[in-house]
Amino acid sequence: MKPLHRKLATLLSGTADGQPVMVEGGFLWMPRPEIAPAAYRHRVYDGLNADGLRQVEGRYGARANKYALEWLSAANGARLFDGALILKGLVASEKRDPTSPLGQPISLDFGNLLGNPTFASADHFIAGTFIFEDDLLPIILDSNGEVAVFEDGAELERWDSIWDFIADSGKWIVTHQSPKSRR
């Protein structure tokens, strides 16, 4: 098991049954056959290699700070808790494989190049979205490595790292919210 997989397995251990299923390009965890045959509660994409990280730097410029690149080298995106927590990734190809159980990450373009929140500064990397009471809240990874979630331009909460954010958000989702599948 890769170091990222071990770290996420520890963070998600109270939220998923069984063991992760390793597939080409990442891992799936906790099958959800009641939703669809290939549905899983958690989908995590393998990290980017050096070439992929250079593509991110070239495409997103200063927004792609060292903490964003560290995260993307560990995981090129994730859909956690049935999509209630989405961490975006670099989409290397527009080609879709309908037989792939993993699929592709949600593109980093959304929020960083397209539909940029008006309150986001040049050093705000839109790392993903968090669903709260049917609202999609942007997850911002700043140049200090801190993660903040915003609603209507106001900061709701801040964490010291993306790992702290994932751990706290997962605990909150499991105890307070019934995540909805986002397809």
N, C-alpha and C. Protein backbone atom coordinates (compact mmCIF):
# COMPACT_ATOMS: atom_id res chain seq x y z
N MET A 1 0.85 -1.18 0.00
CA MET A 1 0.00 0.00 0.00
C MET A 1 0.89 1.24 0.00
N LYS A 2 0.57 2.20 -0.84
CA LYS A 2 1.35 3.43 -0.95
C LYS A 2 1.19 4.27 0.32
N PRO A 3 2.17 5.15 0.63
CA PRO A 3 2.06 5.98 1.84
C PRO A 3 0.77 6.78 1.90
N LEU A 4 0.34 7.36 0.78
CA LEU A 4 -0.91 8.11 0.77
C LEU A 4 -2.07 7.21 1.16
N HIS A 5 -2.10 6.02 0.60
CA HIS A 5 -3.20 5.11 0.88
C HIS A 5 -3.24 4.77 2.37
N ARG A 6 -2.06 4.57 2.98
CA ARG A 6 -2.01 4.30 4.42
C ARG A 6 -2.54 5.49 5.22
N LYS A 7 -2.11 6.70 4.83
CA LYS A 7 -2.53 7.90 5.56
C LYS A 7 -4.04 8.12 5.43
N LEU A 8 -4.57 7.99 4.22
CA LEU A 8 -6.01 8.16 4.03
C LEU A 8 -6.78 7.03 4.71
N ALA A 9 -6.24 5.82 4.66
CA ALA A 9 -6.92 4.69 5.32
C ALA A 9 -7.05 4.98 6.82
N THR A 10 -6.02 5.56 7.41
CA THR A 10 -6.08 5.93 8.83
C THR A 10 -7.14 7.01 9.05
N LEU A 11 -7.15 8.05 8.20
CA LEU A 11 -8.11 9.14 8.34
C LEU A 11 -9.55 8.68 8.14
N LEU A 12 -9.75 7.76 7.20
CA LEU A 12 -11.10 7.34 6.84
C LEU A 12 -11.55 6.07 7.55
N SER A 13 -10.69 5.49 8.38
CA SER A 13 -10.97 4.17 8.96
C SER A 13 -12.29 4.11 9.71
N GLY A 14 -12.72 5.17 10.33
CA GLY A 14 -13.99 5.16 11.03
C GLY A 14 -15.18 5.42 10.14
N THR A 15 -14.94 5.65 8.86
CA THR A 15 -16.03 6.03 7.96
C THR A 15 -16.26 5.03 6.84
N ALA A 16 -15.48 3.97 6.78
CA ALA A 16 -15.61 3.03 5.68
C ALA A 16 -15.39 1.61 6.18
N ASP A 17 -16.15 0.70 5.64
CA ASP A 17 -16.01 -0.71 5.98
C ASP A 17 -15.03 -1.37 5.02
N GLY A 18 -14.43 -2.47 5.47
CA GLY A 18 -13.58 -3.25 4.59
C GLY A 18 -12.26 -2.57 4.29
N GLN A 19 -11.67 -3.01 3.21
CA GLN A 19 -10.36 -2.51 2.78
C GLN A 19 -10.49 -1.80 1.44
N PRO A 20 -9.58 -0.87 1.16
CA PRO A 20 -9.60 -0.22 -0.16
C PRO A 20 -9.38 -1.24 -1.27
N VAL A 21 -10.01 -1.00 -2.40
CA VAL A 21 -9.82 -1.82 -3.59
C VAL A 21 -8.88 -1.06 -4.51
N MET A 22 -7.71 -1.62 -4.73
CA MET A 22 -6.72 -0.97 -5.58
C MET A 22 -7.09 -1.21 -7.04
N VAL A 23 -7.14 -0.14 -7.81
CA VAL A 23 -7.42 -0.22 -9.25
C VAL A 23 -6.37 0.63 -9.97
N GLU A 24 -6.30 0.47 -11.27
CA GLU A 24 -5.35 1.28 -12.03
C GLU A 24 -5.70 2.75 -11.86
N GLY A 25 -4.75 3.53 -11.36
CA GLY A 25 -4.95 4.97 -11.22
C GLY A 25 -5.39 5.42 -9.83
N GLY A 26 -5.57 4.49 -8.88
CA GLY A 26 -5.96 4.91 -7.54
C GLY A 26 -6.62 3.80 -6.75
N PHE A 27 -7.53 4.19 -5.84
CA PHE A 27 -8.25 3.17 -5.10
C PHE A 27 -9.68 3.60 -4.82
N LEU A 28 -10.51 2.59 -4.61
CA LEU A 28 -11.93 2.75 -4.30
C LEU A 28 -12.16 2.13 -2.93
N TRP A 29 -13.11 2.71 -2.19
CA TRP A 29 -13.34 2.16 -0.85
C TRP A 29 -14.82 2.27 -0.53
N MET A 30 -15.34 1.22 0.01
CA MET A 30 -16.71 1.09 0.48
C MET A 30 -17.71 1.08 -0.68
N PRO A 31 -17.94 -0.09 -1.26
CA PRO A 31 -18.89 -0.19 -2.37
C PRO A 31 -20.30 0.26 -1.95
N ARG A 32 -21.00 0.86 -2.90
CA ARG A 32 -22.37 1.34 -2.66
C ARG A 32 -23.29 0.76 -3.74
N PRO A 33 -23.52 -0.57 -3.73
CA PRO A 33 -24.34 -1.19 -4.78
C PRO A 33 -25.78 -0.69 -4.80
N GLU A 34 -26.25 -0.12 -3.70
CA GLU A 34 -27.61 0.41 -3.69
C GLU A 34 -27.73 1.66 -4.56
N ILE A 35 -26.59 2.30 -4.86
CA ILE A 35 -26.57 3.47 -5.75
C ILE A 35 -26.34 3.04 -7.19
N ALA A 36 -25.29 2.24 -7.40
CA ALA A 36 -24.95 1.73 -8.73
C ALA A 36 -23.89 0.65 -8.57
N PRO A 37 -23.77 -0.24 -9.56
CA PRO A 37 -22.80 -1.34 -9.45
C PRO A 37 -21.36 -0.86 -9.24
N ALA A 38 -20.98 0.28 -9.83
CA ALA A 38 -19.60 0.77 -9.70
C ALA A 38 -19.49 1.97 -8.76
N ALA A 39 -20.47 2.16 -7.89
CA ALA A 39 -20.44 3.30 -6.96
C ALA A 39 -19.66 2.93 -5.70
N TYR A 40 -18.86 3.87 -5.23
CA TYR A 40 -18.09 3.70 -4.00
C TYR A 40 -18.20 4.98 -3.18
N ARG A 41 -18.14 4.84 -1.87
CA ARG A 41 -18.20 6.01 -0.98
C ARG A 41 -16.98 6.91 -1.15
N HIS A 42 -15.81 6.29 -1.35
CA HIS A 42 -14.56 7.04 -1.49
C HIS A 42 -13.84 6.61 -2.77
N ARG A 43 -13.35 7.60 -3.53
CA ARG A 43 -12.52 7.38 -4.72
C ARG A 43 -11.30 8.29 -4.59
N VAL A 44 -10.12 7.72 -4.68
CA VAL A 44 -8.89 8.50 -4.55
C VAL A 44 -7.99 8.19 -5.73
N TYR A 45 -7.49 9.23 -6.37
CA TYR A 45 -6.66 9.11 -7.56
C TYR A 45 -5.20 9.19 -7.17
N ASP A 46 -4.38 8.35 -7.82
CA ASP A 46 -2.94 8.36 -7.56
C ASP A 46 -2.37 9.75 -7.80
N GLY A 47 -1.30 10.07 -7.07
CA GLY A 47 -0.65 11.36 -7.20
C GLY A 47 0.00 11.57 -8.56
N LEU A 48 0.26 12.82 -8.87
CA LEU A 48 0.89 13.18 -10.14
C LEU A 48 2.39 12.94 -10.09
N ASN A 49 2.95 12.60 -11.24
CA ASN A 49 4.40 12.50 -11.34
C ASN A 49 4.97 13.90 -11.62
N ALA A 50 6.28 13.98 -11.80
CA ALA A 50 6.94 15.28 -12.00
C ALA A 50 6.39 16.01 -13.23
N ASP A 51 6.12 15.28 -14.32
CA ASP A 51 5.57 15.91 -15.52
C ASP A 51 4.18 16.49 -15.25
N GLY A 52 3.35 15.75 -14.54
CA GLY A 52 2.02 16.23 -14.20
C GLY A 52 2.08 17.47 -13.32
N LEU A 53 3.01 17.49 -12.38
CA LEU A 53 3.17 18.66 -11.50
C LEU A 53 3.62 19.89 -12.30
N ARG A 54 4.50 19.68 -13.29
CA ARG A 54 4.92 20.79 -14.16
C ARG A 54 3.73 21.31 -14.97
N GLN A 55 2.86 20.42 -15.40
CA GLN A 55 1.65 20.85 -16.12
C GLN A 55 0.77 21.72 -15.22
N VAL A 56 0.63 21.32 -13.98
CA VAL A 56 -0.17 22.10 -13.03
C VAL A 56 0.44 23.48 -12.84
N GLU A 57 1.76 23.53 -12.63
CA GLU A 57 2.44 24.82 -12.45
C GLU A 57 2.26 25.72 -13.68
N GLY A 58 2.41 25.14 -14.87
CA GLY A 58 2.27 25.92 -16.08
C GLY A 58 0.83 26.39 -16.31
N ARG A 59 -0.11 25.58 -15.96
CA ARG A 59 -1.52 25.91 -16.22
C ARG A 59 -2.10 26.88 -15.20
N TYR A 60 -1.72 26.74 -13.92
CA TYR A 60 -2.35 27.52 -12.85
C TYR A 60 -1.44 28.57 -12.24
N GLY A 61 -0.19 28.63 -12.66
CA GLY A 61 0.72 29.67 -12.22
C GLY A 61 0.88 29.75 -10.71
N ALA A 62 0.85 30.97 -10.18
CA ALA A 62 1.10 31.22 -8.75
C ALA A 62 0.07 30.54 -7.85
N ARG A 63 -1.11 30.29 -8.36
CA ARG A 63 -2.12 29.58 -7.55
C ARG A 63 -1.62 28.20 -7.13
N ALA A 64 -0.84 27.58 -7.99
CA ALA A 64 -0.32 26.23 -7.71
C ALA A 64 0.86 26.34 -6.75
N ASN A 65 0.57 26.68 -5.50
CA ASN A 65 1.63 26.86 -4.50
C ASN A 65 2.23 25.51 -4.10
N LYS A 66 3.30 25.56 -3.32
CA LYS A 66 4.01 24.32 -2.99
C LYS A 66 3.13 23.34 -2.22
N TYR A 67 2.17 23.82 -1.45
CA TYR A 67 1.30 22.92 -0.70
C TYR A 67 0.30 22.23 -1.63
N ALA A 68 -0.16 22.96 -2.63
CA ALA A 68 -1.04 22.35 -3.63
C ALA A 68 -0.28 21.27 -4.39
N LEU A 69 0.97 21.57 -4.75
CA LEU A 69 1.77 20.58 -5.48
C LEU A 69 2.08 19.37 -4.60
N GLU A 70 2.34 19.59 -3.31
CA GLU A 70 2.57 18.46 -2.41
C GLU A 70 1.34 17.56 -2.34
N TRP A 71 0.15 18.18 -2.22
CA TRP A 71 -1.09 17.39 -2.17
C TRP A 71 -1.27 16.63 -3.47
N LEU A 72 -1.10 17.31 -4.61
CA LEU A 72 -1.32 16.67 -5.90
C LEU A 72 -0.30 15.58 -6.19
N SER A 73 0.88 15.67 -5.58
CA SER A 73 1.85 14.58 -5.74
C SER A 73 1.43 13.36 -4.91
N ALA A 74 0.62 13.59 -3.89
CA ALA A 74 0.11 12.49 -3.07
C ALA A 74 -1.20 11.94 -3.65
N ALA A 75 -2.08 12.85 -4.07
CA ALA A 75 -3.37 12.44 -4.64
C ALA A 75 -3.80 13.45 -5.69
N ASN A 76 -4.03 12.98 -6.89
CA ASN A 76 -4.50 13.86 -7.96
C ASN A 76 -6.03 13.91 -7.90
N GLY A 77 -6.53 14.29 -6.74
CA GLY A 77 -7.97 14.41 -6.56
C GLY A 77 -8.56 13.26 -5.77
N ALA A 78 -9.77 13.52 -5.26
CA ALA A 78 -10.50 12.51 -4.50
C ALA A 78 -11.97 12.90 -4.44
N ARG A 79 -12.82 11.90 -4.40
CA ARG A 79 -14.25 12.10 -4.14
C ARG A 79 -14.53 11.29 -2.89
N LEU A 80 -14.74 11.98 -1.80
CA LEU A 80 -14.91 11.32 -0.51
C LEU A 80 -16.33 11.49 0.00
N PHE A 81 -16.78 10.54 0.77
CA PHE A 81 -18.10 10.61 1.41
C PHE A 81 -19.20 10.83 0.38
N ASP A 82 -19.23 9.95 -0.64
CA ASP A 82 -20.24 10.01 -1.69
C ASP A 82 -20.25 11.35 -2.41
N GLY A 83 -19.11 12.00 -2.49
CA GLY A 83 -19.01 13.27 -3.20
C GLY A 83 -19.30 14.49 -2.35
N ALA A 84 -19.54 14.32 -1.06
CA ALA A 84 -19.77 15.48 -0.19
C ALA A 84 -18.49 16.30 -0.03
N LEU A 85 -17.35 15.65 -0.19
CA LEU A 85 -16.04 16.32 -0.14
C LEU A 85 -15.30 15.96 -1.42
N ILE A 86 -15.09 16.94 -2.27
CA ILE A 86 -14.40 16.71 -3.54
C ILE A 86 -13.11 17.50 -3.56
N LEU A 87 -12.01 16.79 -3.78
CA LEU A 87 -10.72 17.43 -3.98
C LEU A 87 -10.37 17.23 -5.45
N LYS A 88 -10.11 18.32 -6.14
CA LYS A 88 -9.97 18.30 -7.59
C LYS A 88 -8.58 17.84 -8.01
N GLY A 89 -8.46 17.51 -9.30
CA GLY A 89 -7.19 17.05 -9.83
C GLY A 89 -6.99 17.49 -11.26
N LEU A 90 -5.82 17.21 -11.77
CA LEU A 90 -5.48 17.51 -13.16
C LEU A 90 -6.10 16.43 -14.04
N VAL A 91 -6.91 16.84 -15.00
CA VAL A 91 -7.48 15.91 -15.97
C VAL A 91 -6.52 15.88 -17.15
N ALA A 92 -5.80 14.77 -17.28
CA ALA A 92 -4.75 14.67 -18.29
C ALA A 92 -5.30 14.39 -19.68
N SER A 93 -6.49 13.81 -19.75
CA SER A 93 -7.06 13.46 -21.04
C SER A 93 -8.57 13.64 -20.99
N GLU A 94 -9.13 14.15 -22.06
CA GLU A 94 -10.58 14.30 -22.14
C GLU A 94 -11.24 12.98 -22.49
N LYS A 95 -10.43 11.98 -22.83
CA LYS A 95 -10.95 10.66 -23.18
C LYS A 95 -11.54 10.01 -21.93
N ARG A 96 -12.75 9.54 -22.05
CA ARG A 96 -13.43 8.88 -20.94
C ARG A 96 -13.52 7.38 -21.23
N ASP A 97 -13.29 6.59 -20.21
CA ASP A 97 -13.42 5.14 -20.33
C ASP A 97 -14.61 4.70 -19.49
N PRO A 98 -15.73 4.38 -20.13
CA PRO A 98 -16.93 4.02 -19.35
C PRO A 98 -16.77 2.73 -18.55
N THR A 99 -15.73 1.94 -18.84
CA THR A 99 -15.53 0.71 -18.09
C THR A 99 -14.64 0.91 -16.87
N SER A 100 -14.04 2.08 -16.73
CA SER A 100 -13.15 2.34 -15.60
C SER A 100 -13.97 2.57 -14.33
N PRO A 101 -13.73 1.79 -13.28
CA PRO A 101 -14.47 2.02 -12.04
C PRO A 101 -14.06 3.30 -11.33
N LEU A 102 -12.86 3.80 -11.62
CA LEU A 102 -12.35 4.99 -10.94
C LEU A 102 -12.78 6.28 -11.62
N GLY A 103 -12.82 6.28 -12.95
CA GLY A 103 -13.14 7.51 -13.67
C GLY A 103 -11.99 8.51 -13.58
N GLN A 104 -12.30 9.79 -13.66
CA GLN A 104 -11.30 10.84 -13.58
C GLN A 104 -11.68 11.83 -12.49
N PRO A 105 -10.69 12.56 -12.00
CA PRO A 105 -11.01 13.57 -10.98
C PRO A 105 -11.80 14.73 -11.59
N ILE A 106 -12.45 15.49 -10.74
CA ILE A 106 -13.07 16.75 -11.16
C ILE A 106 -11.93 17.71 -11.47
N SER A 107 -12.02 18.42 -12.56
CA SER A 107 -10.92 19.26 -13.04
C SER A 107 -10.62 20.44 -12.13
N LEU A 108 -9.33 20.68 -11.95
CA LEU A 108 -8.85 21.86 -11.22
C LEU A 108 -9.23 23.15 -11.94
N ASP A 109 -9.56 23.06 -13.23
CA ASP A 109 -9.96 24.25 -13.97
C ASP A 109 -11.14 24.95 -13.30
N PHE A 110 -12.07 24.15 -12.76
CA PHE A 110 -13.26 24.72 -12.14
C PHE A 110 -12.88 25.38 -10.81
N GLY A 111 -12.97 26.68 -10.77
CA GLY A 111 -12.62 27.45 -9.59
C GLY A 111 -11.27 28.13 -9.71
N ASN A 112 -10.36 27.56 -10.50
CA ASN A 112 -9.05 28.18 -10.68
C ASN A 112 -8.95 28.95 -12.00
N LEU A 113 -9.56 28.44 -13.04
CA LEU A 113 -9.58 29.13 -14.33
C LEU A 113 -10.99 29.51 -14.75
N LEU A 114 -11.95 28.70 -14.39
CA LEU A 114 -13.35 28.92 -14.75
C LEU A 114 -14.18 29.09 -13.48
N GLY A 115 -15.03 30.09 -13.45
CA GLY A 115 -15.90 30.27 -12.30
C GLY A 115 -15.15 30.58 -11.01
N ASN A 116 -14.10 31.34 -11.13
CA ASN A 116 -13.28 31.71 -9.97
C ASN A 116 -14.11 32.51 -8.96
N PRO A 117 -14.11 32.11 -7.68
CA PRO A 117 -14.84 32.92 -6.69
C PRO A 117 -14.32 34.35 -6.67
N THR A 118 -15.20 35.31 -6.59
CA THR A 118 -14.80 36.73 -6.66
C THR A 118 -13.90 37.13 -5.49
N PHE A 119 -14.03 36.45 -4.37
CA PHE A 119 -13.23 36.80 -3.19
C PHE A 119 -11.84 36.16 -3.20
N ALA A 120 -11.59 35.23 -4.12
CA ALA A 120 -10.32 34.50 -4.13
C ALA A 120 -9.18 35.41 -4.58
N SER A 121 -8.09 35.37 -3.83
CA SER A 121 -6.91 36.15 -4.21
C SER A 121 -6.01 35.31 -5.11
N ALA A 122 -4.96 35.93 -5.62
CA ALA A 122 -4.07 35.27 -6.56
C ALA A 122 -3.36 34.06 -5.96
N ASP A 123 -3.22 34.02 -4.62
CA ASP A 123 -2.54 32.87 -4.00
C ASP A 123 -3.53 31.83 -3.48
N HIS A 124 -4.79 31.98 -3.78
CA HIS A 124 -5.79 31.00 -3.37
C HIS A 124 -5.93 29.92 -4.43
N PHE A 125 -5.60 28.71 -4.05
CA PHE A 125 -5.75 27.55 -4.92
C PHE A 125 -7.06 26.88 -4.54
N ILE A 126 -8.00 26.82 -5.47
CA ILE A 126 -9.29 26.19 -5.19
C ILE A 126 -9.08 24.69 -5.31
N ALA A 127 -8.92 24.05 -4.17
CA ALA A 127 -8.56 22.63 -4.12
C ALA A 127 -9.76 21.72 -4.29
N GLY A 128 -10.97 22.23 -4.03
CA GLY A 128 -12.14 21.37 -4.15
C GLY A 128 -13.39 22.06 -3.66
N THR A 129 -14.40 21.23 -3.35
CA THR A 129 -15.66 21.73 -2.84
C THR A 129 -16.15 20.83 -1.71
N PHE A 130 -16.93 21.43 -0.84
CA PHE A 130 -17.51 20.74 0.30
C PHE A 130 -19.00 21.03 0.26
N ILE A 131 -19.81 19.98 0.33
CA ILE A 131 -21.26 20.18 0.30
C ILE A 131 -21.76 20.35 1.73
N PHE A 132 -22.43 21.47 1.95
CA PHE A 132 -23.01 21.75 3.26
C PHE A 132 -24.41 22.30 3.04
N GLU A 133 -25.40 21.58 3.56
CA GLU A 133 -26.80 22.00 3.43
C GLU A 133 -27.12 22.39 1.98
N ASP A 134 -26.78 21.52 1.05
CA ASP A 134 -27.04 21.66 -0.38
C ASP A 134 -26.26 22.77 -1.06
N ASP A 135 -25.32 23.42 -0.38
CA ASP A 135 -24.47 24.43 -1.01
C ASP A 135 -23.10 23.83 -1.29
N LEU A 136 -22.52 24.21 -2.44
CA LEU A 136 -21.15 23.82 -2.76
C LEU A 136 -20.22 24.92 -2.26
N LEU A 137 -19.45 24.64 -1.24
CA LEU A 137 -18.55 25.62 -0.65
C LEU A 137 -17.13 25.38 -1.15
N PRO A 138 -16.44 26.42 -1.63
CA PRO A 138 -15.07 26.23 -2.11
C PRO A 138 -14.10 25.92 -0.97
N ILE A 139 -13.20 25.02 -1.27
CA ILE A 139 -12.10 24.67 -0.36
C ILE A 139 -10.86 25.35 -0.91
N ILE A 140 -10.28 26.24 -0.12
CA ILE A 140 -9.13 27.01 -0.59
C ILE A 140 -7.88 26.58 0.18
N LEU A 141 -6.85 26.25 -0.58
CA LEU A 141 -5.54 25.92 -0.03
C LEU A 141 -4.65 27.13 -0.30
N ASP A 142 -4.24 27.83 0.77
CA ASP A 142 -3.49 29.07 0.56
C ASP A 142 -1.99 28.84 0.55
N SER A 143 -1.25 29.90 0.32
CA SER A 143 0.21 29.80 0.17
C SER A 143 0.93 29.49 1.47
N ASN A 144 0.20 29.46 2.59
CA ASN A 144 0.79 29.05 3.88
C ASN A 144 0.50 27.59 4.19
N GLY A 145 -0.21 26.91 3.29
CA GLY A 145 -0.55 25.51 3.49
C GLY A 145 -1.82 25.31 4.29
N GLU A 146 -2.48 26.41 4.67
CA GLU A 146 -3.72 26.31 5.43
C GLU A 146 -4.89 26.13 4.48
N VAL A 147 -5.92 25.47 4.98
CA VAL A 147 -7.14 25.22 4.21
C VAL A 147 -8.28 25.98 4.86
N ALA A 148 -9.06 26.65 4.04
CA ALA A 148 -10.23 27.37 4.54
C ALA A 148 -11.43 27.03 3.67
N VAL A 149 -12.60 27.01 4.30
CA VAL A 149 -13.86 26.82 3.58
C VAL A 149 -14.63 28.13 3.69
N PHE A 150 -15.18 28.56 2.57
CA PHE A 150 -15.89 29.83 2.48
C PHE A 150 -17.34 29.62 2.10
N GLU A 151 -18.19 30.53 2.58
CA GLU A 151 -19.58 30.58 2.15
C GLU A 151 -19.92 32.04 1.87
N ASP A 152 -20.39 32.32 0.67
CA ASP A 152 -20.73 33.68 0.25
C ASP A 152 -19.59 34.67 0.52
N GLY A 153 -18.36 34.22 0.28
CA GLY A 153 -17.19 35.07 0.43
C GLY A 153 -16.67 35.21 1.84
N ALA A 154 -17.37 34.64 2.82
CA ALA A 154 -16.94 34.72 4.22
C ALA A 154 -16.30 33.39 4.64
N GLU A 155 -15.17 33.50 5.29
CA GLU A 155 -14.48 32.30 5.77
C GLU A 155 -15.29 31.67 6.90
N LEU A 156 -15.60 30.38 6.76
CA LEU A 156 -16.34 29.66 7.80
C LEU A 156 -15.41 29.02 8.83
N GLU A 157 -14.34 28.42 8.32
CA GLU A 157 -13.40 27.73 9.22
C GLU A 157 -12.08 27.55 8.50
N ARG A 158 -11.01 27.36 9.30
CA ARG A 158 -9.65 27.22 8.76
C ARG A 158 -8.95 26.08 9.48
N TRP A 159 -8.13 25.34 8.73
CA TRP A 159 -7.35 24.23 9.27
C TRP A 159 -5.88 24.45 8.93
N ASP A 160 -5.00 23.81 9.70
CA ASP A 160 -3.55 23.96 9.50
C ASP A 160 -3.04 23.26 8.25
N SER A 161 -3.74 22.21 7.81
CA SER A 161 -3.28 21.46 6.64
C SER A 161 -4.46 20.76 5.96
N ILE A 162 -4.20 20.29 4.76
CA ILE A 162 -5.26 19.57 4.05
C ILE A 162 -5.60 18.26 4.76
N TRP A 163 -4.60 17.66 5.42
CA TRP A 163 -4.84 16.40 6.14
C TRP A 163 -5.75 16.65 7.34
N ASP A 164 -5.51 17.74 8.07
CA ASP A 164 -6.39 18.09 9.19
C ASP A 164 -7.81 18.36 8.70
N PHE A 165 -7.91 19.04 7.56
CA PHE A 165 -9.22 19.34 6.98
C PHE A 165 -9.97 18.05 6.64
N ILE A 166 -9.29 17.11 5.97
CA ILE A 166 -9.94 15.86 5.59
C ILE A 166 -10.42 15.10 6.82
N ALA A 167 -9.56 15.02 7.84
CA ALA A 167 -9.93 14.29 9.06
C ALA A 167 -11.13 14.93 9.75
N ASP A 168 -11.10 16.24 9.95
CA ASP A 168 -12.20 16.92 10.62
C ASP A 168 -13.49 16.89 9.81
N SER A 169 -13.37 17.10 8.51
CA SER A 169 -14.55 17.10 7.65
C SER A 169 -15.20 15.73 7.61
N GLY A 170 -14.38 14.70 7.54
CA GLY A 170 -14.91 13.34 7.54
C GLY A 170 -15.68 13.03 8.80
N LYS A 171 -15.13 13.40 9.93
CA LYS A 171 -15.84 13.17 11.20
C LYS A 171 -17.16 13.93 11.22
N TRP A 172 -17.13 15.18 10.73
CA TRP A 172 -18.35 15.98 10.73
C TRP A 172 -19.40 15.38 9.80
N ILE A 173 -19.00 15.00 8.60
CA ILE A 173 -19.94 14.44 7.64
C ILE A 173 -20.60 13.19 8.20
N VAL A 174 -19.81 12.32 8.79
CA VAL A 174 -20.34 11.06 9.30
C VAL A 174 -21.35 11.30 10.42
N THR A 175 -21.12 12.30 11.25
CA THR A 175 -22.02 12.51 12.39
C THR A 175 -23.16 13.49 12.14
N HIS A 176 -23.05 14.36 11.12
CA HIS A 176 -24.05 15.42 10.94
C HIS A 176 -24.80 15.42 9.61
N GLN A 177 -24.31 14.75 8.63
CA GLN A 177 -24.88 14.93 7.30
C GLN A 177 -25.03 13.59 6.62
N SER A 178 -26.05 13.47 5.82
CA SER A 178 -26.20 12.32 4.93
C SER A 178 -25.76 12.77 3.55
N PRO A 179 -24.50 12.50 3.18
CA PRO A 179 -24.00 12.98 1.90
C PRO A 179 -24.84 12.47 0.74
N LYS A 180 -24.98 13.30 -0.26
CA LYS A 180 -25.72 12.95 -1.46
C LYS A 180 -24.72 12.63 -2.57
N SER A 181 -25.08 11.69 -3.39
CA SER A 181 -24.23 11.35 -4.52
C SER A 181 -24.28 12.51 -5.52
N ARG A 182 -23.12 13.01 -5.93
CA ARG A 182 -23.04 14.12 -6.88
C ARG A 182 -22.61 13.55 -8.24
N ARG A 183 -23.56 13.36 -9.14
CA ARG A 183 -23.22 12.86 -10.47
C ARG A 183 -23.79 13.77 -11.50
